[in-house]
Structures are given as C-alpha cells and as structure tokens.
Amino acid sequence: EVHLVESGGGLVQPGGSLRLSCAASGFTFSGYYLNWVRQAPGKGLEWVSGINSGGATYYADSVKGRGAVSRDNAKKTRRRKRKRRKPEDKALYYCVSGYCLASWGKGTLVTVSS
C-alpha cells in the first residue's frame, strides 16, 4: 500500500522560507514521478511542482523562481523549499505520486501571515 506523509508546514511570514518534506513507503520510490499539489482555502486543487525519477524538476508559473524540489531516493523522501512566501501561498500542500496523481498524502498546512 502506498503511503505518503507530508511534514514541515506551519506559519511563515511573507517573504520567508519553508521546507516541506514527503516521506514515502509501499512502492518503488526511485521510479516514480512525484508532485506537490496544493489547495488554498475556498479554492480548487492546483498542481505546484513535480520531479521525475531522474531528478528533473517542473514548476507551475505561480511558484517558478521561488524555490526548488529535490528527492533522496535512498531515504525515500522528497523536499520542497519555497522562498519569498506570498500570502497566496497559504494552502494545504499534498504530496502526490505518479503522473496520474494516483496516491495522495493527507497534506501539510502552510499559513503565510505577518
């Protein structure tokens, strides 16, 4: 059974940085494309970033240039560091596996406020 657990959410000031992590189990981590998907209060789901098995990264325009995703296949973890947080970054962030968004974690909440 695929199991994804996000961590690292919390309160950050506008312009600040936060590192989110995703720990995975139950599948061959190194071979999977991994995504971050977020949902802001009262809004729909938004794909934010992805990283393929080779480490190539992809970002939505809304976050491009403000951070990076990485993965550690040995530890089966993935991280996402975002700099220069904006109020509109406030959301529940999900770690999601696969190109088809097959499996989801429960999410970690990021709040941006001064």
Protein backbone atom coordinates (compact mmCIF):
# COMPACT_ATOMS: atom_id res chain seq x y z
CA GLU A 1 0.00 0.00 0.00
CA VAL A 2 1.31 3.40 -0.98
CA HIS A 3 1.84 5.68 1.97
CA LEU A 4 2.84 9.34 1.69
CA VAL A 5 3.37 11.57 4.72
CA GLU A 6 3.99 15.29 4.43
CA SER A 7 5.67 17.41 7.08
CA GLY A 8 7.18 20.84 7.54
CA GLY A 9 4.10 23.01 7.26
CA GLY A 10 3.45 25.87 9.63
CA LEU A 11 3.33 29.63 9.91
CA VAL A 12 5.74 31.69 7.84
CA GLN A 13 5.95 35.43 7.36
CA PRO A 14 5.59 36.95 3.90
CA GLY A 15 8.95 36.77 2.21
CA GLY A 16 10.08 33.94 4.45
CA SER A 17 11.09 30.38 3.60
CA LEU A 18 9.69 27.00 4.46
CA ARG A 19 10.82 23.47 3.69
CA LEU A 20 8.23 20.78 3.14
CA SER A 21 9.09 17.10 3.13
CA CYS A 22 7.34 13.99 1.90
CA ALA A 23 8.22 10.54 3.22
CA ALA A 24 7.10 7.62 1.10
CA SER A 25 6.66 3.88 1.55
CA GLY A 26 4.90 0.97 -0.07
CA PHE A 27 6.19 1.44 -3.61
CA THR A 28 9.40 1.68 -5.62
CA PHE A 29 10.08 5.29 -4.77
CA SER A 30 13.01 5.80 -7.11
CA GLY A 31 10.93 5.01 -10.19
CA TYR A 32 8.03 7.34 -9.55
CA TYR A 33 7.21 10.84 -10.65
CA LEU A 34 6.26 12.89 -7.60
CA ASN A 35 4.14 16.00 -7.33
CA TRP A 36 3.22 18.74 -4.92
CA VAL A 37 -0.39 19.81 -5.24
CA ARG A 38 -1.98 22.49 -3.07
CA GLN A 39 -5.42 23.68 -2.18
CA ALA A 40 -5.95 27.19 -0.89
CA PRO A 41 -8.94 27.96 1.34
CA GLY A 42 -12.11 28.04 -0.73
CA LYS A 43 -10.31 27.16 -3.96
CA GLY A 44 -9.68 24.13 -6.12
CA LEU A 45 -6.60 21.97 -6.39
CA GLU A 46 -3.53 23.48 -8.01
CA TRP A 47 -0.56 21.48 -9.27
CA VAL A 48 2.57 23.21 -7.97
CA SER A 49 5.63 21.18 -8.89
CA GLY A 50 6.92 17.80 -9.94
CA ILE A 51 10.13 15.82 -10.04
CA ASN A 52 10.80 12.76 -12.16
CA SER A 53 12.86 9.70 -11.31
CA GLY A 54 15.95 11.27 -12.79
CA GLY A 55 15.63 14.43 -10.76
CA ALA A 56 14.32 16.75 -13.47
CA THR A 57 12.00 19.33 -11.95
CA TYR A 58 8.92 21.16 -13.17
CA TYR A 59 7.10 24.12 -11.65
CA ALA A 60 3.85 25.98 -12.03
CA ASP A 61 4.25 29.58 -13.14
CA SER A 62 2.83 30.72 -9.81
CA VAL A 63 5.86 29.40 -7.91
CA LYS A 64 8.59 29.35 -10.54
CA GLY A 65 11.76 31.01 -9.36
CA ARG A 66 10.81 30.94 -5.70
CA GLY A 67 12.22 27.61 -4.61
CA ALA A 68 13.14 24.09 -5.57
CA VAL A 69 12.15 20.48 -5.16
CA SER A 70 14.58 17.64 -4.62
CA ARG A 71 14.45 13.95 -3.84
CA ASP A 72 16.55 11.42 -1.95
CA ASN A 73 15.84 8.00 -3.41
CA ALA A 74 17.91 6.26 -0.74
CA LYS A 75 15.85 7.78 2.05
CA LYS A 76 12.60 7.75 0.05
CA THR A 77 11.96 11.36 0.81
CA ARG A 78 11.30 14.43 -1.21
CA ARG A 79 11.66 18.03 -0.19
CA ARG A 80 10.36 21.29 -1.41
CA LYS A 81 11.84 24.57 -0.27
CA ARG A 82 9.98 27.70 -1.07
CA LYS A 83 11.44 31.15 -0.63
CA ARG A 84 9.76 34.51 -0.66
CA ARG A 85 6.45 33.15 0.50
CA LYS A 86 3.42 35.18 -0.53
CA PRO A 87 0.03 35.37 1.23
CA GLU A 88 -1.49 33.48 -1.70
CA ASP A 89 0.78 30.52 -0.89
CA LYS A 90 -1.39 29.76 2.11
CA ALA A 91 -2.76 26.31 1.41
CA LEU A 92 -2.85 22.65 2.28
CA TYR A 93 0.06 21.05 0.43
CA TYR A 94 -0.22 17.45 -0.70
CA CYS A 95 2.49 15.03 -1.76
CA VAL A 96 1.13 13.03 -4.69
CA SER A 97 2.69 10.13 -6.57
CA GLY A 98 2.62 9.36 -10.25
CA TYR A 99 1.85 11.18 -13.47
CA CYS A 100 -1.81 10.29 -12.94
CA LEU A 101 -1.85 11.61 -9.36
CA ALA A 102 -2.71 8.15 -8.12
CA SER A 103 -1.88 8.36 -4.42
CA TRP A 104 -2.11 11.29 -2.04
CA GLY A 105 -0.83 12.10 1.40
CA LYS A 106 -3.04 13.84 3.94
CA GLY A 107 -1.37 17.18 3.44
CA THR A 108 0.53 19.72 5.49
CA LEU A 109 -0.83 23.22 6.10
CA VAL A 110 1.17 26.32 5.24
CA THR A 111 -0.01 29.67 6.54
CA VAL A 112 1.55 32.91 5.38
CA SER A 113 0.94 35.80 7.72
CA SER A 114 2.75 38.64 9.42
